[in-house]
Amino acid sequence: MTVRSDATTSTTSPLIESAPPARASSLSQEGMIAGVLAAAAVAVWFFIVDLAHGRPLYTPTVLGTALFRHGAGLSSPESLPVSAEMVLMFTWVHGLLFVAIGGVVAFLLGVVERNPSLGFGILLLFVIFQAGFTVVAILVAAPVLQALTWPAIIVANLLAAATMGLYLWRRHPHLQVSP
């Protein structure tokens, strides 16, 4: 029996090759930063919307109540008092969710850098994700939509996508997407 020490096995797909460890770490960091920036853009947007309506921090209170109290108190959302507990808990989850989304986006960016022909498919996936999120929000989150307007939610999604995209575009100015 002979043992070959030069034999290698590969578990990666030829389309999705793994990035070198240093590059993967850099992409992860970029994803986290992009996620934090997008979460901050959404938070600032809703803070401005809430200020314009004379109820600062109302949106994270409503969303926190929907998430952590299963909507208890959203039957009459106009009378829902602002809760620091709900604001902080929702802001924490919101930030973590956006960091995770930023990580996925950075991973996909790394895939496109190695395989530009996959870029258009990933852009299409993004558009489908945005449309799906909007439809699910309209269908499932009726109590929340009584308190928040769907145009404000769509603007927030677009702001998050633009913020994340702009940050990553500036970090990767030579990125090419082929059809």
Protein backbone atom coordinates (compact mmCIF):
# COMPACT_ATOMS: atom_id res chain seq x y z
CA MET A 1 0.00 0.00 0.00
CA THR A 2 1.38 3.37 -0.97
CA VAL A 3 0.38 6.75 0.33
CA ARG A 4 0.51 9.80 -1.91
CA SER A 5 1.31 12.96 -0.02
CA ASP A 6 0.77 15.20 -3.06
CA ALA A 7 -2.88 14.19 -3.53
CA THR A 8 -5.42 16.90 -2.93
CA THR A 9 -9.15 16.82 -2.70
CA SER A 10 -11.42 19.71 -3.43
CA THR A 11 -14.87 20.13 -1.95
CA THR A 12 -15.60 23.46 -3.62
CA SER A 13 -17.59 23.91 -6.76
CA PRO A 14 -15.63 25.08 -9.78
CA LEU A 15 -18.07 28.02 -10.01
CA ILE A 16 -17.69 29.04 -6.38
CA GLU A 17 -14.05 28.72 -5.50
CA SER A 18 -13.09 29.57 -1.97
CA ALA A 19 -11.30 32.84 -1.41
CA PRO A 20 -7.88 32.93 0.26
CA PRO A 21 -8.28 33.24 4.06
CA ALA A 22 -7.05 36.85 4.17
CA ARG A 23 -9.47 37.87 1.40
CA ALA A 24 -12.38 36.02 3.05
CA SER A 25 -11.65 37.85 6.32
CA SER A 26 -11.56 41.18 4.50
CA LEU A 27 -14.88 40.43 2.79
CA SER A 28 -16.42 39.46 6.12
CA GLN A 29 -15.30 42.73 7.67
CA GLU A 30 -16.62 44.68 4.70
CA GLY A 31 -19.93 42.84 5.00
CA MET A 32 -20.25 43.67 8.68
CA ILE A 33 -19.44 47.33 8.07
CA ALA A 34 -21.86 47.49 5.14
CA GLY A 35 -24.56 45.92 7.33
CA VAL A 36 -24.00 48.38 10.16
CA LEU A 37 -24.09 51.32 7.73
CA ALA A 38 -27.32 50.06 6.14
CA ALA A 39 -28.93 49.52 9.55
CA ALA A 40 -27.90 53.04 10.58
CA ALA A 41 -29.37 54.49 7.36
CA VAL A 42 -32.70 52.78 8.05
CA ALA A 43 -32.68 53.87 11.70
CA VAL A 44 -31.93 57.49 10.77
CA TRP A 45 -34.65 57.43 8.07
CA PHE A 46 -37.31 56.22 10.49
CA PHE A 47 -36.11 58.63 13.17
CA ILE A 48 -36.64 61.49 10.70
CA VAL A 49 -40.07 60.10 9.72
CA ASP A 50 -41.00 59.75 13.40
CA LEU A 51 -39.78 63.29 14.17
CA ALA A 52 -41.86 64.65 11.29
CA HIS A 53 -44.92 63.01 12.88
CA GLY A 54 -44.01 64.30 16.35
CA ARG A 55 -43.29 60.84 17.81
CA PRO A 56 -39.54 60.17 17.99
CA LEU A 57 -38.63 56.47 18.32
CA TYR A 58 -42.18 55.39 17.51
CA THR A 59 -41.17 53.06 14.66
CA PRO A 60 -38.72 50.90 16.66
CA THR A 61 -41.28 50.78 19.47
CA VAL A 62 -43.95 49.46 17.09
CA LEU A 63 -41.58 46.97 15.47
CA GLY A 64 -40.21 45.85 18.84
CA THR A 65 -43.74 45.39 20.16
CA ALA A 66 -44.68 43.35 17.09
CA LEU A 67 -41.57 41.19 17.41
CA PHE A 68 -41.18 40.71 21.17
CA ARG A 69 -44.73 41.09 22.44
CA HIS A 70 -46.32 39.34 19.46
CA GLY A 71 -48.27 42.47 18.55
CA ALA A 72 -49.89 42.96 21.96
CA GLY A 73 -50.92 46.60 22.03
CA LEU A 74 -50.91 47.09 18.26
CA SER A 75 -54.70 46.95 18.02
CA SER A 76 -54.61 50.72 18.53
CA PRO A 77 -51.05 51.66 17.55
CA GLU A 78 -51.68 55.41 17.79
CA SER A 79 -51.96 55.04 21.58
CA LEU A 80 -48.83 52.89 21.93
CA PRO A 81 -46.36 54.70 24.20
CA VAL A 82 -42.70 54.85 23.22
CA SER A 83 -40.81 52.16 25.11
CA ALA A 84 -37.05 52.41 25.63
CA GLU A 85 -36.97 48.65 26.24
CA MET A 86 -38.64 47.90 22.88
CA VAL A 87 -36.45 50.47 21.09
CA LEU A 88 -33.22 48.97 22.45
CA MET A 89 -34.24 45.34 21.90
CA PHE A 90 -35.46 45.98 18.37
CA THR A 91 -32.41 48.10 17.51
CA TRP A 92 -30.14 45.26 18.66
CA VAL A 93 -31.96 42.66 16.54
CA HIS A 94 -32.17 45.08 13.61
CA GLY A 95 -28.42 45.67 13.73
CA LEU A 96 -27.61 41.95 13.97
CA LEU A 97 -29.92 41.15 11.06
CA PHE A 98 -28.28 43.78 8.87
CA VAL A 99 -24.79 42.56 9.81
CA ALA A 100 -25.86 39.07 8.70
CA ILE A 101 -27.30 40.45 5.46
CA GLY A 102 -24.09 42.40 4.90
CA GLY A 103 -22.11 39.19 5.38
CA VAL A 104 -24.20 37.39 2.77
CA VAL A 105 -23.86 40.30 0.35
CA ALA A 106 -20.07 40.39 0.87
CA PHE A 107 -19.87 36.63 0.25
CA LEU A 108 -21.85 37.03 -2.97
CA LEU A 109 -19.59 39.92 -3.94
CA GLY A 110 -16.60 37.62 -3.53
CA VAL A 111 -18.31 35.06 -5.78
CA VAL A 112 -18.92 37.70 -8.46
CA GLU A 113 -15.32 38.90 -8.25
CA ARG A 114 -14.15 35.37 -9.10
CA ASN A 115 -16.97 34.68 -11.59
CA PRO A 116 -18.32 37.89 -13.20
CA SER A 117 -20.86 35.90 -15.22
CA LEU A 118 -22.81 35.19 -12.00
CA GLY A 119 -23.25 38.90 -11.25
CA PHE A 120 -26.44 39.42 -13.21
CA GLY A 121 -28.08 36.46 -11.51
CA ILE A 122 -27.16 37.86 -8.11
CA LEU A 123 -28.59 41.27 -9.06
CA LEU A 124 -31.79 39.52 -10.14
CA LEU A 125 -31.84 37.66 -6.82
CA PHE A 126 -31.62 41.03 -5.03
CA VAL A 127 -34.59 42.43 -6.97
CA ILE A 128 -36.64 39.30 -6.23
CA PHE A 129 -35.67 39.52 -2.54
CA GLN A 130 -36.80 43.17 -2.36
CA ALA A 131 -40.11 42.41 -4.06
CA GLY A 132 -40.64 39.36 -1.85
CA PHE A 133 -39.92 41.33 1.30
CA THR A 134 -42.46 43.97 0.29
CA VAL A 135 -45.17 41.41 -0.49
CA VAL A 136 -44.56 39.49 2.75
CA ALA A 137 -44.60 42.72 4.76
CA ILE A 138 -47.93 43.70 3.21
CA LEU A 139 -49.50 40.26 3.74
CA VAL A 140 -48.13 39.27 7.14
CA ALA A 141 -47.52 42.51 8.99
CA ALA A 142 -50.95 44.14 8.74
CA PRO A 143 -50.91 45.50 12.33
CA VAL A 144 -47.48 47.02 11.77
CA LEU A 145 -48.59 48.57 8.49
CA GLN A 146 -51.46 50.26 10.33
CA ALA A 147 -48.83 52.12 12.31
CA LEU A 148 -46.20 52.52 9.60
CA THR A 149 -46.80 53.40 5.98
CA TRP A 150 -45.59 51.01 3.31
CA PRO A 151 -43.96 53.78 1.25
CA ALA A 152 -41.76 54.63 4.26
CA ILE A 153 -40.79 50.95 4.51
CA ILE A 154 -39.95 50.75 0.80
CA VAL A 155 -37.85 53.92 1.05
CA ALA A 156 -36.05 52.42 4.05
CA ASN A 157 -35.28 49.24 2.06
CA LEU A 158 -34.00 51.26 -0.87
CA LEU A 159 -31.85 53.41 1.46
CA ALA A 160 -30.38 50.29 3.04
CA ALA A 161 -29.62 48.74 -0.34
CA ALA A 162 -28.14 51.99 -1.69
CA THR A 163 -25.99 52.50 1.43
CA MET A 164 -24.70 48.95 1.38
CA GLY A 165 -24.18 49.02 -2.38
CA LEU A 166 -22.37 52.36 -2.32
CA TYR A 167 -20.04 51.27 0.46
CA LEU A 168 -19.18 47.99 -1.27
CA TRP A 169 -18.87 49.67 -4.67
CA ARG A 170 -16.34 52.12 -3.26
CA ARG A 171 -14.41 49.21 -1.75
CA HIS A 172 -14.47 47.32 -5.09
CA PRO A 173 -14.41 49.95 -7.85
CA HIS A 174 -13.14 47.52 -10.49
CA LEU A 175 -15.89 44.96 -9.97
CA GLN A 176 -17.29 43.80 -13.29
CA VAL A 177 -20.58 42.04 -13.92
CA SER A 178 -21.01 40.13 -17.14
CA PRO A 179 -24.39 38.99 -18.45
